[in-house]
N, C-alpha and C. Protein backbone atom coordinates (compact mmCIF):
# COMPACT_ATOMS: atom_id res chain seq x y z
N MET A 1 9.48 -2.04 11.46
CA MET A 1 9.16 -2.90 10.33
C MET A 1 7.76 -2.59 9.83
N ASN A 2 7.60 -2.48 8.54
CA ASN A 2 6.32 -2.16 7.93
C ASN A 2 5.50 -3.44 7.75
N LEU A 3 4.34 -3.51 8.39
CA LEU A 3 3.49 -4.69 8.27
C LEU A 3 2.99 -4.90 6.85
N ALA A 4 2.88 -3.82 6.08
CA ALA A 4 2.38 -3.94 4.70
C ALA A 4 3.30 -4.81 3.86
N LEU A 5 4.59 -4.85 4.17
CA LEU A 5 5.52 -5.67 3.40
C LEU A 5 5.17 -7.14 3.49
N HIS A 6 4.42 -7.52 4.52
CA HIS A 6 4.01 -8.90 4.68
C HIS A 6 2.69 -9.20 3.95
N CYS A 7 2.07 -8.17 3.39
CA CYS A 7 0.82 -8.34 2.66
C CYS A 7 1.14 -8.70 1.21
N LEU A 8 0.49 -9.72 0.74
CA LEU A 8 0.75 -10.26 -0.58
C LEU A 8 -0.50 -10.11 -1.44
N VAL A 9 -0.32 -9.53 -2.61
CA VAL A 9 -1.42 -9.34 -3.56
C VAL A 9 -1.09 -10.14 -4.81
N TYR A 10 -2.04 -10.97 -5.24
CA TYR A 10 -1.90 -11.72 -6.48
C TYR A 10 -2.70 -10.99 -7.56
N LEU A 11 -2.13 -10.92 -8.75
CA LEU A 11 -2.78 -10.25 -9.86
C LEU A 11 -2.86 -11.19 -11.06
N LEU A 12 -4.06 -11.36 -11.59
CA LEU A 12 -4.31 -12.13 -12.81
C LEU A 12 -4.74 -11.13 -13.87
N GLU A 13 -3.80 -10.78 -14.75
CA GLU A 13 -4.06 -9.72 -15.72
C GLU A 13 -3.16 -9.91 -16.93
N GLN A 14 -3.73 -9.70 -18.11
CA GLN A 14 -2.97 -9.80 -19.37
C GLN A 14 -2.49 -8.45 -19.87
N ASP A 15 -3.22 -7.39 -19.54
CA ASP A 15 -2.92 -6.06 -20.06
C ASP A 15 -1.74 -5.45 -19.32
N SER A 16 -0.67 -5.13 -20.06
CA SER A 16 0.55 -4.61 -19.44
C SER A 16 0.35 -3.22 -18.84
N VAL A 17 -0.51 -2.40 -19.41
CA VAL A 17 -0.76 -1.06 -18.88
C VAL A 17 -1.44 -1.16 -17.52
N THR A 18 -2.46 -2.00 -17.44
CA THR A 18 -3.16 -2.19 -16.17
C THR A 18 -2.24 -2.81 -15.13
N THR A 19 -1.46 -3.80 -15.55
CA THR A 19 -0.51 -4.44 -14.64
C THR A 19 0.47 -3.42 -14.06
N GLU A 20 1.00 -2.56 -14.91
CA GLU A 20 1.96 -1.56 -14.45
C GLU A 20 1.30 -0.57 -13.49
N ALA A 21 0.08 -0.16 -13.75
CA ALA A 21 -0.64 0.75 -12.84
C ALA A 21 -0.82 0.11 -11.48
N ILE A 22 -1.18 -1.17 -11.46
CA ILE A 22 -1.38 -1.87 -10.18
C ILE A 22 -0.04 -2.09 -9.50
N ARG A 23 1.00 -2.39 -10.27
CA ARG A 23 2.34 -2.56 -9.69
C ARG A 23 2.78 -1.27 -8.97
N LEU A 24 2.59 -0.13 -9.62
CA LEU A 24 2.96 1.15 -9.01
C LEU A 24 2.15 1.44 -7.76
N LEU A 25 0.86 1.13 -7.81
CA LEU A 25 0.00 1.33 -6.65
C LEU A 25 0.46 0.46 -5.48
N CYS A 26 0.79 -0.78 -5.75
CA CYS A 26 1.26 -1.68 -4.69
C CYS A 26 2.60 -1.22 -4.13
N GLN A 27 3.49 -0.76 -4.99
CA GLN A 27 4.78 -0.24 -4.52
C GLN A 27 4.57 0.95 -3.61
N LYS A 28 3.66 1.83 -3.99
CA LYS A 28 3.37 3.02 -3.19
C LYS A 28 2.88 2.64 -1.80
N LYS A 29 2.17 1.53 -1.71
CA LYS A 29 1.60 1.09 -0.44
C LYS A 29 2.45 0.01 0.22
N SER A 30 3.63 -0.26 -0.32
CA SER A 30 4.57 -1.26 0.20
C SER A 30 3.97 -2.66 0.26
N LEU A 31 3.16 -3.00 -0.75
CA LEU A 31 2.56 -4.32 -0.85
C LEU A 31 3.36 -5.17 -1.83
N ARG A 32 3.53 -6.44 -1.53
CA ARG A 32 4.19 -7.34 -2.47
C ARG A 32 3.18 -7.78 -3.51
N LEU A 33 3.53 -7.65 -4.77
CA LEU A 33 2.65 -8.03 -5.87
C LEU A 33 3.28 -9.17 -6.65
N VAL A 34 2.49 -10.21 -6.89
CA VAL A 34 2.92 -11.31 -7.73
C VAL A 34 1.92 -11.41 -8.88
N CYS A 35 2.44 -11.39 -10.11
CA CYS A 35 1.59 -11.39 -11.30
C CYS A 35 1.52 -12.77 -11.93
N PHE A 36 0.34 -13.11 -12.43
CA PHE A 36 0.10 -14.39 -13.08
C PHE A 36 -0.56 -14.16 -14.42
N ARG A 37 -0.32 -15.08 -15.36
CA ARG A 37 -0.91 -14.99 -16.69
C ARG A 37 -2.09 -15.94 -16.87
N SER A 38 -2.27 -16.88 -15.93
CA SER A 38 -3.39 -17.83 -16.05
C SER A 38 -3.94 -18.17 -14.68
N ALA A 39 -5.22 -18.52 -14.66
CA ALA A 39 -5.88 -18.92 -13.41
C ALA A 39 -5.27 -20.19 -12.82
N PRO A 40 -4.98 -21.22 -13.64
CA PRO A 40 -4.37 -22.42 -13.06
C PRO A 40 -3.02 -22.14 -12.39
N GLU A 41 -2.23 -21.26 -12.98
CA GLU A 41 -0.94 -20.89 -12.39
C GLU A 41 -1.15 -20.20 -11.04
N LEU A 42 -2.13 -19.31 -10.98
CA LEU A 42 -2.43 -18.61 -9.74
C LEU A 42 -2.94 -19.59 -8.68
N MET A 43 -3.80 -20.51 -9.08
CA MET A 43 -4.34 -21.50 -8.13
C MET A 43 -3.23 -22.35 -7.52
N GLU A 44 -2.24 -22.71 -8.32
CA GLU A 44 -1.11 -23.47 -7.78
C GLU A 44 -0.37 -22.66 -6.72
N ALA A 45 -0.20 -21.37 -6.97
CA ALA A 45 0.50 -20.50 -6.02
C ALA A 45 -0.30 -20.35 -4.72
N VAL A 46 -1.62 -20.30 -4.83
CA VAL A 46 -2.48 -20.16 -3.64
C VAL A 46 -2.33 -21.37 -2.72
N LYS A 47 -2.05 -22.52 -3.29
CA LYS A 47 -1.85 -23.72 -2.47
C LYS A 47 -0.63 -23.60 -1.57
N ALA A 48 0.38 -22.85 -2.03
CA ALA A 48 1.62 -22.70 -1.27
C ALA A 48 1.61 -21.50 -0.34
N ASP A 49 0.95 -20.42 -0.74
CA ASP A 49 1.00 -19.18 0.03
C ASP A 49 -0.29 -18.40 -0.20
N GLN A 50 -1.05 -18.18 0.85
CA GLN A 50 -2.33 -17.50 0.68
C GLN A 50 -2.13 -15.99 0.66
N PRO A 51 -2.56 -15.32 -0.42
CA PRO A 51 -2.40 -13.87 -0.51
C PRO A 51 -3.43 -13.14 0.36
N SER A 52 -3.17 -11.86 0.59
CA SER A 52 -4.11 -11.02 1.32
C SER A 52 -5.33 -10.73 0.46
N CYS A 53 -5.12 -10.63 -0.85
CA CYS A 53 -6.23 -10.47 -1.79
C CYS A 53 -5.76 -10.84 -3.19
N ILE A 54 -6.74 -11.06 -4.06
CA ILE A 54 -6.49 -11.37 -5.46
C ILE A 54 -7.22 -10.33 -6.30
N ILE A 55 -6.53 -9.81 -7.30
CA ILE A 55 -7.14 -8.92 -8.28
C ILE A 55 -7.12 -9.68 -9.59
N ALA A 56 -8.29 -9.88 -10.19
CA ALA A 56 -8.38 -10.69 -11.40
C ALA A 56 -9.15 -9.96 -12.49
N ALA A 57 -8.54 -9.88 -13.67
CA ALA A 57 -9.22 -9.26 -14.80
C ALA A 57 -10.26 -10.21 -15.34
N ASN A 58 -11.42 -9.66 -15.67
CA ASN A 58 -12.51 -10.46 -16.20
C ASN A 58 -12.41 -10.64 -17.71
N ASP A 59 -11.42 -10.04 -18.33
CA ASP A 59 -11.33 -10.11 -19.78
C ASP A 59 -10.40 -11.21 -20.27
N HIS A 60 -10.08 -12.13 -19.42
CA HIS A 60 -9.28 -13.28 -19.83
C HIS A 60 -10.13 -14.18 -20.73
N PRO A 61 -9.49 -14.94 -21.58
CA PRO A 61 -10.27 -15.87 -22.41
C PRO A 61 -10.97 -16.92 -21.54
N HIS A 62 -12.13 -17.29 -21.97
CA HIS A 62 -12.89 -18.38 -21.35
C HIS A 62 -13.28 -18.10 -19.89
N GLY A 63 -13.45 -16.84 -19.53
CA GLY A 63 -13.94 -16.52 -18.19
C GLY A 63 -13.04 -16.98 -17.07
N GLN A 64 -11.75 -16.76 -17.18
CA GLN A 64 -10.82 -17.24 -16.16
C GLN A 64 -11.07 -16.65 -14.78
N ALA A 65 -11.52 -15.41 -14.70
CA ALA A 65 -11.74 -14.79 -13.40
C ALA A 65 -12.84 -15.52 -12.63
N LEU A 66 -13.94 -15.82 -13.30
CA LEU A 66 -15.01 -16.56 -12.61
C LEU A 66 -14.60 -18.00 -12.34
N ALA A 67 -13.86 -18.60 -13.25
CA ALA A 67 -13.35 -19.96 -13.01
C ALA A 67 -12.40 -19.96 -11.81
N LEU A 68 -11.61 -18.92 -11.68
CA LEU A 68 -10.71 -18.78 -10.54
C LEU A 68 -11.52 -18.74 -9.24
N MET A 69 -12.57 -17.95 -9.23
CA MET A 69 -13.39 -17.84 -8.03
C MET A 69 -14.03 -19.18 -7.67
N LYS A 70 -14.49 -19.91 -8.68
CA LYS A 70 -15.06 -21.24 -8.43
C LYS A 70 -14.00 -22.19 -7.88
N GLY A 71 -12.79 -22.09 -8.43
CA GLY A 71 -11.69 -22.93 -7.94
C GLY A 71 -11.34 -22.62 -6.50
N LEU A 72 -11.30 -21.34 -6.15
CA LEU A 72 -11.03 -20.96 -4.77
C LEU A 72 -12.09 -21.50 -3.83
N ALA A 73 -13.34 -21.39 -4.25
CA ALA A 73 -14.45 -21.90 -3.43
C ALA A 73 -14.35 -23.41 -3.25
N SER A 74 -14.03 -24.13 -4.32
CA SER A 74 -13.95 -25.59 -4.22
C SER A 74 -12.78 -26.04 -3.35
N GLU A 75 -11.75 -25.20 -3.25
CA GLU A 75 -10.59 -25.51 -2.40
C GLU A 75 -10.76 -24.92 -0.99
N ASN A 76 -11.92 -24.31 -0.72
CA ASN A 76 -12.19 -23.65 0.56
C ASN A 76 -11.17 -22.59 0.91
N LYS A 77 -10.71 -21.86 -0.09
CA LYS A 77 -9.77 -20.76 0.13
C LYS A 77 -10.57 -19.48 0.32
N GLN A 78 -10.43 -18.88 1.47
CA GLN A 78 -11.15 -17.64 1.80
C GLN A 78 -10.27 -16.44 1.49
N VAL A 79 -10.14 -16.12 0.21
CA VAL A 79 -9.31 -14.99 -0.22
C VAL A 79 -10.22 -13.95 -0.87
N PRO A 80 -10.16 -12.70 -0.41
CA PRO A 80 -10.96 -11.66 -1.06
C PRO A 80 -10.51 -11.48 -2.51
N VAL A 81 -11.49 -11.40 -3.42
CA VAL A 81 -11.19 -11.24 -4.84
C VAL A 81 -11.85 -9.97 -5.36
N ILE A 82 -11.06 -9.17 -6.05
CA ILE A 82 -11.56 -7.96 -6.71
C ILE A 82 -11.46 -8.22 -8.20
N ILE A 83 -12.58 -8.07 -8.90
CA ILE A 83 -12.62 -8.32 -10.34
C ILE A 83 -12.51 -6.99 -11.08
N LEU A 84 -11.65 -6.96 -12.09
CA LEU A 84 -11.53 -5.82 -12.98
C LEU A 84 -12.24 -6.17 -14.27
N GLY A 85 -13.17 -5.34 -14.70
CA GLY A 85 -13.93 -5.64 -15.90
C GLY A 85 -14.11 -4.43 -16.78
N HIS A 86 -14.86 -4.63 -17.82
CA HIS A 86 -15.08 -3.57 -18.80
C HIS A 86 -16.30 -2.74 -18.43
N HIS A 87 -16.24 -1.49 -18.82
CA HIS A 87 -17.34 -0.54 -18.60
C HIS A 87 -18.61 -1.07 -19.27
N ASN A 88 -19.72 -0.95 -18.59
CA ASN A 88 -21.05 -1.33 -19.08
C ASN A 88 -21.23 -2.83 -19.28
N ASP A 89 -20.43 -3.66 -18.64
CA ASP A 89 -20.61 -5.11 -18.72
C ASP A 89 -21.36 -5.56 -17.46
N VAL A 90 -22.62 -5.20 -17.41
CA VAL A 90 -23.44 -5.46 -16.23
C VAL A 90 -23.58 -6.96 -15.96
N THR A 91 -23.71 -7.75 -17.01
CA THR A 91 -23.87 -9.20 -16.84
C THR A 91 -22.67 -9.79 -16.11
N SER A 92 -21.47 -9.42 -16.52
CA SER A 92 -20.26 -9.93 -15.87
C SER A 92 -20.13 -9.41 -14.45
N ALA A 93 -20.50 -8.16 -14.24
CA ALA A 93 -20.42 -7.58 -12.90
C ALA A 93 -21.35 -8.33 -11.94
N VAL A 94 -22.56 -8.58 -12.36
CA VAL A 94 -23.51 -9.31 -11.52
C VAL A 94 -23.02 -10.73 -11.25
N ALA A 95 -22.52 -11.40 -12.28
CA ALA A 95 -22.01 -12.77 -12.12
C ALA A 95 -20.84 -12.80 -11.13
N ALA A 96 -19.96 -11.81 -11.22
CA ALA A 96 -18.80 -11.76 -10.31
C ALA A 96 -19.23 -11.56 -8.86
N ILE A 97 -20.15 -10.64 -8.64
CA ILE A 97 -20.62 -10.39 -7.27
C ILE A 97 -21.37 -11.60 -6.73
N LYS A 98 -22.20 -12.23 -7.56
CA LYS A 98 -22.91 -13.44 -7.13
C LYS A 98 -21.94 -14.57 -6.80
N ALA A 99 -20.80 -14.61 -7.49
CA ALA A 99 -19.80 -15.65 -7.25
C ALA A 99 -18.97 -15.36 -6.00
N GLY A 100 -19.17 -14.18 -5.42
CA GLY A 100 -18.48 -13.86 -4.17
C GLY A 100 -17.38 -12.83 -4.28
N ALA A 101 -17.27 -12.15 -5.41
CA ALA A 101 -16.25 -11.10 -5.55
C ALA A 101 -16.51 -9.99 -4.54
N LEU A 102 -15.44 -9.46 -4.02
CA LEU A 102 -15.52 -8.35 -3.08
C LEU A 102 -16.01 -7.09 -3.78
N ASP A 103 -15.55 -6.89 -5.02
CA ASP A 103 -15.93 -5.72 -5.79
C ASP A 103 -15.70 -6.01 -7.27
N TYR A 104 -16.37 -5.25 -8.11
CA TYR A 104 -16.19 -5.30 -9.55
C TYR A 104 -15.86 -3.87 -9.97
N ILE A 105 -14.64 -3.67 -10.42
CA ILE A 105 -14.18 -2.33 -10.77
C ILE A 105 -14.01 -2.26 -12.28
N GLU A 106 -14.62 -1.25 -12.88
CA GLU A 106 -14.58 -1.11 -14.34
C GLU A 106 -13.28 -0.48 -14.80
N LYS A 107 -12.70 -1.09 -15.83
CA LYS A 107 -11.52 -0.51 -16.48
C LYS A 107 -11.99 0.61 -17.39
N PRO A 108 -11.24 1.59 -17.67
CA PRO A 108 -9.85 1.79 -17.27
C PRO A 108 -9.72 2.60 -15.97
N THR A 109 -10.81 2.98 -15.35
CA THR A 109 -10.75 3.85 -14.17
C THR A 109 -10.73 3.03 -12.89
N ILE A 110 -9.67 2.29 -12.69
CA ILE A 110 -9.58 1.38 -11.54
C ILE A 110 -8.89 2.01 -10.34
N TYR A 111 -8.10 3.04 -10.56
CA TYR A 111 -7.15 3.51 -9.56
C TYR A 111 -7.80 3.88 -8.23
N GLY A 112 -8.83 4.72 -8.24
CA GLY A 112 -9.41 5.21 -7.00
C GLY A 112 -9.98 4.13 -6.10
N ARG A 113 -10.89 3.33 -6.65
CA ARG A 113 -11.52 2.29 -5.83
C ARG A 113 -10.54 1.20 -5.45
N LEU A 114 -9.65 0.86 -6.36
CA LEU A 114 -8.66 -0.17 -6.05
C LEU A 114 -7.71 0.33 -4.95
N ALA A 115 -7.35 1.60 -5.01
CA ALA A 115 -6.49 2.19 -3.97
C ALA A 115 -7.15 2.08 -2.60
N GLU A 116 -8.46 2.28 -2.53
CA GLU A 116 -9.18 2.15 -1.25
C GLU A 116 -9.06 0.74 -0.69
N TRP A 117 -9.25 -0.27 -1.56
CA TRP A 117 -9.14 -1.66 -1.10
C TRP A 117 -7.71 -1.98 -0.66
N LEU A 118 -6.73 -1.51 -1.43
CA LEU A 118 -5.34 -1.80 -1.09
C LEU A 118 -4.89 -1.05 0.15
N ASN A 119 -5.53 0.07 0.47
CA ASN A 119 -5.26 0.74 1.74
C ASN A 119 -5.60 -0.19 2.90
N ALA A 120 -6.72 -0.86 2.81
CA ALA A 120 -7.12 -1.80 3.86
C ALA A 120 -6.12 -2.95 3.95
N VAL A 121 -5.67 -3.45 2.80
CA VAL A 121 -4.68 -4.52 2.79
C VAL A 121 -3.38 -4.06 3.42
N SER A 122 -2.94 -2.86 3.08
CA SER A 122 -1.66 -2.36 3.58
C SER A 122 -1.68 -2.13 5.09
N LYS A 123 -2.87 -1.92 5.63
CA LYS A 123 -3.01 -1.75 7.08
C LYS A 123 -3.20 -3.09 7.77
N ASN A 124 -3.04 -4.15 6.97
CA ASN A 124 -3.18 -5.52 7.47
C ASN A 124 -4.57 -5.76 8.03
N THR A 125 -5.55 -5.11 7.41
CA THR A 125 -6.94 -5.23 7.81
C THR A 125 -7.60 -6.28 6.94
N ARG A 126 -8.40 -7.13 7.52
CA ARG A 126 -9.15 -8.10 6.73
C ARG A 126 -10.16 -7.33 5.91
N ILE A 127 -10.12 -7.50 4.58
CA ILE A 127 -11.04 -6.75 3.75
C ILE A 127 -12.28 -7.59 3.45
N THR A 128 -13.41 -6.98 3.69
CA THR A 128 -14.69 -7.62 3.42
C THR A 128 -15.63 -6.57 2.86
N ALA A 129 -16.64 -7.05 2.17
CA ALA A 129 -17.62 -6.12 1.58
C ALA A 129 -18.50 -5.52 2.64
């Protein structure tokens, strides 16, 4: 039995191209991926089942990725969060790391660094910075 199949990744992303790239990466690593369109929807799911990690796009309206991180902290949920953001958005990157994000990966070149993090998840390793 593959332990990676028990690893659950939550994705908060609006862009279908990015979502599909992450879906393929998770399939390659035998990770279960559940996609969400809003932070409140994802937060409800976290109450029922804690994922191995969360990948959240920073380009949601009204700063949903940072709001998600604040919500996780207020609920005392210790889930590693990887933020996907735009190239040269240093302000958002710093805010995400200060809020406790594991990493801030710039779009559109997410594949390499994200693959490294998901390798750790697929090996059922606790991922930390």
